[in-house]
């Protein structure tokens, strides 16, 4: 049986003889003996939870521990849901791509940028086509100019091995 790791020390697992109690309406915040506060928490059917063990004396709170963990988990889930994931889509073509084929690639890139994805545009050089580096760079810059309405160039064309690439990020509408 795998035992779950506890995040906080609770009740009798708090080793300090004295603690700093916070966040309780009926008891004034301050420094108290651990045993007294543990018994008080049990009377209320609650737990004494060590919030910050690094301080001297450690900071503790009287609360329902299971409810506290549930609320933390819920908060974490909400935070994760608010995060935006940015995908990177790739579009590749050769240095001598035709006008019509270029327009088809442009339409795909527009669709990706409208969805909020970044686009990494490659010009790949096979065999002796490596001598057309300038032509590849011109194609990339022309591509960036044509798609300027939907995205902005995040990274200008860079040569990496037998590929030249450029990254385009979506514009905020």
Protein backbone atom coordinates (compact mmCIF):
# COMPACT_ATOMS: atom_id res chain seq x y z
CA UNK A 1 0.00 0.00 0.00
CA UNK A 2 1.41 3.38 -1.03
CA UNK A 3 1.06 6.04 1.65
CA UNK A 4 0.29 9.59 0.54
CA UNK A 5 2.85 12.19 1.50
CA UNK A 6 1.48 14.69 4.01
CA UNK A 7 2.06 18.30 3.11
CA UNK A 8 1.81 19.72 6.60
CA UNK A 9 2.37 18.42 10.11
CA UNK A 10 -0.88 18.20 12.02
CA UNK A 11 -1.91 17.75 15.67
CA UNK A 12 0.51 15.45 17.56
CA UNK A 13 3.01 15.40 14.67
CA UNK A 14 4.05 18.99 15.47
CA UNK A 15 7.35 18.61 17.31
CA UNK A 16 7.77 22.12 18.67
CA UNK A 17 6.86 22.72 22.34
CA UNK A 18 5.44 26.18 21.57
CA UNK A 19 3.69 27.50 18.48
CA UNK A 20 2.45 30.81 17.08
CA UNK A 21 -1.30 30.57 16.54
CA UNK A 22 -2.90 32.71 13.79
CA UNK A 23 -6.27 33.02 12.07
CA UNK A 24 -8.62 32.01 14.90
CA UNK A 25 -11.43 34.39 15.87
CA UNK A 26 -12.12 32.98 19.35
CA UNK A 27 -8.47 32.92 20.50
CA UNK A 28 -6.18 35.91 20.25
CA UNK A 29 -3.21 35.36 17.93
CA UNK A 30 -0.02 34.74 19.85
CA UNK A 31 2.43 32.17 21.21
CA UNK A 32 0.96 29.16 23.05
CA UNK A 33 2.05 25.70 24.28
CA UNK A 34 1.39 23.10 21.57
CA UNK A 35 -0.42 20.59 23.85
CA UNK A 36 -3.03 23.16 24.96
CA UNK A 37 -3.87 24.20 21.40
CA UNK A 38 -4.00 20.58 20.13
CA UNK A 39 -6.54 19.69 22.83
CA UNK A 40 -8.54 22.85 22.02
CA UNK A 41 -8.58 21.90 18.31
CA UNK A 42 -9.78 18.36 19.12
CA UNK A 43 -12.61 19.78 21.25
CA UNK A 44 -13.82 21.66 18.18
CA UNK A 45 -13.40 18.59 15.90
CA UNK A 46 -10.74 20.45 13.95
CA UNK A 47 -6.98 20.05 13.42
CA UNK A 48 -3.98 22.10 14.42
CA UNK A 49 -2.01 22.52 11.17
CA UNK A 50 1.58 23.72 10.92
CA UNK A 51 1.47 26.35 8.16
CA UNK A 52 5.08 27.61 8.27
CA UNK A 53 7.52 25.29 10.06
CA UNK A 54 10.59 27.38 9.17
CA UNK A 55 9.82 30.22 11.59
CA UNK A 56 10.67 30.05 15.26
CA UNK A 57 8.18 29.29 16.80
CA UNK A 58 6.36 27.62 13.87
CA UNK A 59 3.14 29.23 12.65
CA UNK A 60 0.02 27.10 13.10
CA UNK A 61 -3.69 27.42 12.42
CA UNK A 62 -6.80 25.64 13.69
CA UNK A 63 -8.84 24.38 10.73
CA UNK A 64 -10.47 21.36 9.11
CA UNK A 65 -7.43 19.81 7.42
CA UNK A 66 -9.28 17.72 4.81
CA UNK A 67 -11.34 20.74 3.76
CA UNK A 68 -8.14 22.82 3.61
CA UNK A 69 -6.47 20.27 1.28
CA UNK A 70 -9.59 20.12 -0.88
CA UNK A 71 -9.68 23.91 -1.26
CA UNK A 72 -5.97 24.00 -2.12
CA UNK A 73 -6.46 21.33 -4.76
CA UNK A 74 -9.45 23.23 -6.18
CA UNK A 75 -7.45 26.49 -6.30
CA UNK A 76 -4.58 24.74 -8.06
CA UNK A 77 -6.98 23.29 -10.63
CA UNK A 78 -8.52 26.73 -11.31
CA UNK A 79 -5.07 28.25 -11.72
CA UNK A 80 -4.11 25.50 -14.17
CA UNK A 81 -7.30 26.09 -16.18
CA UNK A 82 -6.48 29.79 -16.56
CA UNK A 83 -3.05 29.08 -18.04
CA UNK A 84 -2.78 29.45 -21.79
CA UNK A 85 -0.94 26.74 -23.66
CA UNK A 86 0.84 27.95 -26.78
CA UNK A 87 1.36 25.33 -29.45
CA UNK A 88 3.96 25.68 -32.17
CA UNK A 89 2.95 24.56 -35.64
CA UNK A 90 5.47 23.96 -38.40
CA UNK A 91 5.21 24.86 -42.07
CA UNK A 92 7.97 23.84 -44.44
CA UNK A 93 8.74 24.43 -48.07
CA UNK A 94 11.67 24.49 -50.48
CA UNK A 95 13.54 27.56 -51.76
CA UNK A 96 11.87 27.31 -55.17
CA UNK A 97 8.25 26.89 -54.06
CA UNK A 98 5.67 28.06 -56.58
CA UNK A 99 3.32 31.02 -56.00
CA UNK A 100 0.18 28.91 -55.64
CA UNK A 101 1.82 26.44 -53.27
CA UNK A 102 3.11 29.40 -51.24
CA UNK A 103 -0.44 30.77 -50.96
CA UNK A 104 -1.70 27.40 -49.67
CA UNK A 105 1.03 27.41 -46.99
CA UNK A 106 0.12 31.01 -46.16
CA UNK A 107 -3.55 30.05 -45.64
CA UNK A 108 -2.50 27.28 -43.25
CA UNK A 109 -0.30 29.69 -41.30
CA UNK A 110 -3.15 32.22 -41.08
CA UNK A 111 -5.44 29.52 -39.68
CA UNK A 112 -2.84 28.55 -37.04
CA UNK A 113 -2.23 32.16 -36.02
CA UNK A 114 -5.97 32.86 -35.75
CA UNK A 115 -6.23 29.91 -33.32
CA UNK A 116 -3.45 31.46 -31.21
CA UNK A 117 -0.64 29.08 -32.15
CA UNK A 118 2.90 30.12 -33.00
CA UNK A 119 4.17 29.19 -36.44
CA UNK A 120 7.69 28.00 -37.23
CA UNK A 121 8.30 28.41 -40.96
CA UNK A 122 11.09 26.29 -42.52
CA UNK A 123 12.84 26.47 -45.83
CA UNK A 124 14.67 23.18 -46.30
CA UNK A 125 17.60 22.76 -48.65
CA UNK A 126 18.17 19.36 -50.29
CA UNK A 127 21.40 18.46 -51.99
CA UNK A 128 22.74 21.28 -54.15
CA UNK A 129 19.82 23.60 -53.42
CA UNK A 130 21.93 24.87 -50.48
CA UNK A 131 23.41 27.40 -52.94
CA UNK A 132 20.01 29.18 -52.93
CA UNK A 133 20.29 30.42 -49.31
CA UNK A 134 19.49 34.00 -50.30
CA UNK A 135 16.48 32.86 -52.29
CA UNK A 136 15.26 30.94 -49.19
CA UNK A 137 15.71 33.99 -46.99
CA UNK A 138 13.78 36.13 -49.47
CA UNK A 139 10.93 33.55 -49.47
CA UNK A 140 10.77 33.65 -45.65
CA UNK A 141 10.75 37.44 -45.51
CA UNK A 142 8.06 37.59 -48.22
CA UNK A 143 6.05 35.04 -46.20
CA UNK A 144 6.39 37.25 -43.09
CA UNK A 145 5.29 40.30 -45.08
CA UNK A 146 2.21 38.50 -46.45
CA UNK A 147 1.13 37.24 -43.00
CA UNK A 148 1.80 40.55 -41.20
CA UNK A 149 -1.96 41.06 -40.68
CA UNK A 150 -2.23 37.92 -38.48
CA UNK A 151 1.15 37.64 -36.78
CA UNK A 152 4.44 39.33 -36.10
CA UNK A 153 7.93 37.94 -36.59
CA UNK A 154 9.30 36.79 -33.25
CA UNK A 155 12.60 35.54 -34.64
CA UNK A 156 14.14 36.58 -37.94
CA UNK A 157 15.41 33.88 -40.38
CA UNK A 158 18.22 31.74 -38.97
CA UNK A 159 20.20 29.06 -40.76
CA UNK A 160 20.48 25.78 -38.83
CA UNK A 161 22.11 22.91 -40.66
CA UNK A 162 20.30 22.45 -43.97
CA UNK A 163 17.24 24.39 -42.81
CA UNK A 164 16.50 28.07 -42.48
CA UNK A 165 13.65 28.94 -40.14
CA UNK A 166 11.71 31.87 -38.74
CA UNK A 167 9.19 32.01 -35.88
CA UNK A 168 5.95 33.99 -36.14
CA UNK A 169 3.72 34.65 -33.12
CA UNK A 170 0.03 35.61 -33.30
CA UNK A 171 -1.11 39.22 -32.91
CA UNK A 172 -3.53 40.08 -30.11
CA UNK A 173 -6.90 41.08 -31.54
